[in-house]
C-alpha atoms as a PDB file:
ATOM      1  CA  MET A   1       0.000   0.000   0.000  1.00  0.00           C
ATOM      2  CA  GLU A   2       1.433   3.322  -1.097  1.00  0.00           C
ATOM      3  CA  ALA A   3       0.705   6.708   0.426  1.00  0.00           C
ATOM      4  CA  LEU A   4      -0.379   7.921  -3.027  1.00  0.00           C
ATOM      5  CA  ASP A   5      -3.016   5.165  -3.186  1.00  0.00           C
ATOM      6  CA  ILE A   6      -4.412   6.296   0.158  1.00  0.00           C
ATOM      7  CA  ALA A   7      -4.461   9.940  -0.954  1.00  0.00           C
ATOM      8  CA  LEU A   8      -6.228   9.105  -4.217  1.00  0.00           C
ATOM      9  CA  GLU A   9      -8.791   6.878  -2.492  1.00  0.00           C
ATOM     10  CA  ALA A  10      -9.448   9.529   0.168  1.00  0.00           C
ATOM     11  CA  ALA A  11     -10.037  12.145  -2.531  1.00  0.00           C
ATOM     12  CA  LYS A  12     -12.455   9.849  -4.356  1.00  0.00           C
ATOM     13  CA  ALA A  13     -14.286   9.051  -1.111  1.00  0.00           C
ATOM     14  CA  ALA A  14     -14.651  12.779  -0.356  1.00  0.00           C
ATOM     15  CA  ASP A  15     -15.974  13.330  -3.866  1.00  0.00           C
ATOM     16  CA  ARG A  16     -18.582  10.588  -3.399  1.00  0.00           C
ATOM     17  CA  LYS A  17     -19.987  12.621  -0.485  1.00  0.00           C
ATOM     18  CA  LYS A  18     -20.101  15.774  -2.622  1.00  0.00           C
ATOM     19  CA  ALA A  19     -17.056  17.533  -1.154  1.00  0.00           C
ATOM     20  CA  TYR A  20     -15.781  20.062  -3.663  1.00  0.00           C
ATOM     21  CA  ASP A  21     -12.576  21.796  -4.766  1.00  0.00           C
ATOM     22  CA  ILE A  22     -10.658  18.648  -3.845  1.00  0.00           C
ATOM     23  CA  LYS A  23      -6.894  18.884  -4.190  1.00  0.00           C
ATOM     24  CA  ILE A  24      -4.081  16.426  -3.562  1.00  0.00           C
ATOM     25  CA  LEU A  25      -0.725  17.998  -2.773  1.00  0.00           C
ATOM     26  CA  GLU A  26       2.508  16.023  -2.800  1.00  0.00           C
ATOM     27  CA  VAL A  27       4.277  17.555   0.197  1.00  0.00           C
ATOM     28  CA  GLY A  28       6.823  14.798   0.843  1.00  0.00           C
ATOM     29  CA  LYS A  29       9.787  16.767  -0.504  1.00  0.00           C
ATOM     30  CA  LEU A  30       8.785  19.781   1.594  1.00  0.00           C
ATOM     31  CA  SER A  31       7.882  18.006   4.835  1.00  0.00           C
ATOM     32  CA  ASP A  32       9.610  15.416   6.975  1.00  0.00           C
ATOM     33  CA  SER A  33       6.270  14.338   8.431  1.00  0.00           C
ATOM     34  CA  PHE A  34       3.842  13.849   5.522  1.00  0.00           C
ATOM     35  CA  ASP A  35       3.836  12.678   1.925  1.00  0.00           C
ATOM     36  CA  TYR A  36       0.422  13.943   0.795  1.00  0.00           C
ATOM     37  CA  PHE A  37      -2.294  16.362   1.797  1.00  0.00           C
ATOM     38  CA  VAL A  38      -5.841  15.872   0.574  1.00  0.00           C
ATOM     39  CA  ILE A  39      -7.776  19.123   0.910  1.00  0.00           C
ATOM     40  CA  ALA A  40     -11.545  19.335   0.416  1.00  0.00           C
ATOM     41  CA  SER A  41     -14.353  21.788   1.098  1.00  0.00           C
ATOM     42  CA  VAL A  42     -17.824  21.002   2.422  1.00  0.00           C
ATOM     43  CA  ASN A  43     -20.973  23.015   3.033  1.00  0.00           C
ATOM     44  CA  ASN A  44     -21.673  22.087   6.659  1.00  0.00           C
ATOM     45  CA  ASP A  45     -20.759  19.863   9.635  1.00  0.00           C
ATOM     46  CA  ARG A  46     -23.160  17.117   8.602  1.00  0.00           C
ATOM     47  CA  GLN A  47     -21.500  16.830   5.209  1.00  0.00           C
ATOM     48  CA  ALA A  48     -18.051  16.920   6.835  1.00  0.00           C
ATOM     49  CA  ASP A  49     -19.042  14.007   9.079  1.00  0.00           C
ATOM     50  CA  ALA A  50     -20.307  12.085   6.041  1.00  0.00           C
ATOM     51  CA  VAL A  51     -16.976  12.671   4.283  1.00  0.00           C
ATOM     52  CA  ILE A  52     -15.032  11.495   7.336  1.00  0.00           C
ATOM     53  CA  ASP A  53     -17.178   8.356   7.584  1.00  0.00           C
ATOM     54  CA  GLU A  54     -16.785   7.600   3.872  1.00  0.00           C
ATOM     55  CA  VAL A  55     -13.011   8.094   3.919  1.00  0.00           C
ATOM     56  CA  GLU A  56     -12.625   6.015   7.078  1.00  0.00           C
ATOM     57  CA  ASN A  57     -14.820   3.184   5.751  1.00  0.00           C
ATOM     58  CA  LYS A  58     -13.159   3.085   2.335  1.00  0.00           C
ATOM     59  CA  MET A  59      -9.662   2.961   3.830  1.00  0.00           C
ATOM     60  CA  ARG A  60     -10.668   0.125   6.137  1.00  0.00           C
ATOM     61  CA  GLU A  61     -12.317  -1.833   3.283  1.00  0.00           C
ATOM     62  CA  SER A  62      -9.707  -1.236   0.589  1.00  0.00           C
ATOM     63  CA  TYR A  63      -6.463  -1.139   2.555  1.00  0.00           C
ATOM     64  CA  ALA A  64      -7.248  -2.400   6.081  1.00  0.00           C
ATOM     65  CA  VAL A  65      -6.008   0.997   7.315  1.00  0.00           C
ATOM     66  CA  ARG A  66      -7.494   2.983  10.163  1.00  0.00           C
ATOM     67  CA  PRO A  67      -6.736   6.626  10.862  1.00  0.00           C
ATOM     68  CA  LEU A  68      -4.222   7.388  13.581  1.00  0.00           C
ATOM     69  CA  ALA A  69      -6.450  10.282  14.669  1.00  0.00           C
ATOM     70  CA  ILE A  70      -9.460  12.327  13.660  1.00  0.00           C
ATOM     71  CA  GLU A  71      -9.429  15.929  14.862  1.00  0.00           C
ATOM     72  CA  GLY A  72     -12.254  18.470  14.943  1.00  0.00           C
ATOM     73  CA  ARG A  73     -15.013  15.899  14.714  1.00  0.00           C
ATOM     74  CA  ARG A  74     -17.229  17.490  17.359  1.00  0.00           C
ATOM     75  CA  VAL A  75     -17.735  21.011  16.007  1.00  0.00           C
ATOM     76  CA  SER A  76     -15.062  22.573  13.882  1.00  0.00           C
ATOM     77  CA  GLN A  77     -14.664  24.346  10.584  1.00  0.00           C
ATOM     78  CA  TRP A  78     -11.467  22.358   9.946  1.00  0.00           C
ATOM     79  CA  LYS A  79     -11.503  18.609  10.385  1.00  0.00           C
ATOM     80  CA  LEU A  80      -8.454  16.438   9.947  1.00  0.00           C
ATOM     81  CA  ILE A  81      -7.987  12.722   9.327  1.00  0.00           C
ATOM     82  CA  ASP A  82      -4.444  11.529  10.020  1.00  0.00           C
ATOM     83  CA  PHE A  83      -3.290   8.435   8.137  1.00  0.00           C
ATOM     84  CA  GLY A  84       0.361   8.974   9.036  1.00  0.00           C
ATOM     85  CA  SER A  85       1.902   9.899   5.713  1.00  0.00           C
ATOM     86  CA  VAL A  86      -1.432  11.240   4.383  1.00  0.00           C
ATOM     87  CA  MET A  87      -3.397  14.039   6.022  1.00  0.00           C
ATOM     88  CA  VAL A  88      -6.972  14.665   4.889  1.00  0.00           C
ATOM     89  CA  HIS A  89      -8.125  18.237   5.573  1.00  0.00           C
ATOM     90  CA  ILE A  90     -11.860  18.967   5.414  1.00  0.00           C
ATOM     91  CA  PHE A  91     -12.797  22.632   5.575  1.00  0.00           C
ATOM     92  CA  ASP A  92     -15.790  24.853   5.379  1.00  0.00           C
ATOM     93  CA  GLU A  93     -15.179  27.390   2.611  1.00  0.00           C
ATOM     94  CA  GLU A  94     -14.514  30.394   4.843  1.00  0.00           C
ATOM     95  CA  THR A  95     -11.920  28.577   6.953  1.00  0.00           C
ATOM     96  CA  ARG A  96     -10.214  27.159   3.879  1.00  0.00           C
ATOM     97  CA  ASP A  97     -10.001  30.646   2.391  1.00  0.00           C
ATOM     98  CA  PHE A  98      -8.506  31.930   5.656  1.00  0.00           C
ATOM     99  CA  TYR A  99      -5.769  29.284   6.038  1.00  0.00           C
ATOM    100  CA  ARG A 100      -5.062  28.837   2.298  1.00  0.00           C
ATOM    101  CA  LEU A 101      -3.071  25.616   2.631  1.00  0.00           C
ATOM    102  CA  GLU A 102      -2.654  25.409  -1.136  1.00  0.00           C
ATOM    103  CA  LYS A 103      -0.793  28.727  -1.077  1.00  0.00           C
ATOM    104  CA  LEU A 104       1.150  27.890   2.081  1.00  0.00           C
ATOM    105  CA  TRP A 105       2.328  24.694   0.399  1.00  0.00           C
ATOM    106  CA  GLY A 106       2.471  26.372  -3.021  1.00  0.00           C
ATOM    107  CA  ASP A 107       5.691  24.622  -4.036  1.00  0.00           C
ATOM    108  CA  ALA A 108       4.058  21.216  -3.643  1.00  0.00           C
ATOM    109  CA  PRO A 109       3.006  19.554  -6.894  1.00  0.00           C
ATOM    110  CA  GLN A 110      -0.706  18.827  -7.294  1.00  0.00           C
ATOM    111  CA  ILE A 111      -1.685  15.268  -8.115  1.00  0.00           C
ATOM    112  CA  ALA A 112      -4.557  14.817 -10.542  1.00  0.00           C
ATOM    113  CA  PHE A 113      -7.340  12.411  -9.700  1.00  0.00           C
ATOM    114  CA  GLU A 114     -10.498  11.441 -11.498  1.00  0.00           C
ATOM    115  CA  ALA A 115     -13.772  11.594  -9.650  1.00  0.00           C
ATOM    116  CA  GLU A 116     -15.909   8.490  -9.901  1.00  0.00           C
ATOM    117  CA  LEU A 117     -19.039   8.811 -11.970  1.00  0.00           C
ATOM    118  CA  ILE A 118     -22.051   7.882  -9.909  1.00  0.00           C
END
């Protein structure tokens, strides 16, 4: 199991729950701690929880991997799923605009992924 496979599957799982503006950043050459960031936006907490559940379930089914931690699950505009080398960031739009992770990690290459057709 490769970190890239986890990142791609997490992005697809987020897309299945209608997250939008999904990006995968390859941060491994810029960070000693992570290989990939998956960044996605959602409209509300309920949708964020659905994305977390979908990502968690798909990782368990496909790769027998469980997250090391899930942060912000209770009430937060920024939720995080930690898979070790892959971090999945789930934002509401305002918080994502404020923190601008894509700009902060602007030197990181973006990885293309294809959303699944439902």
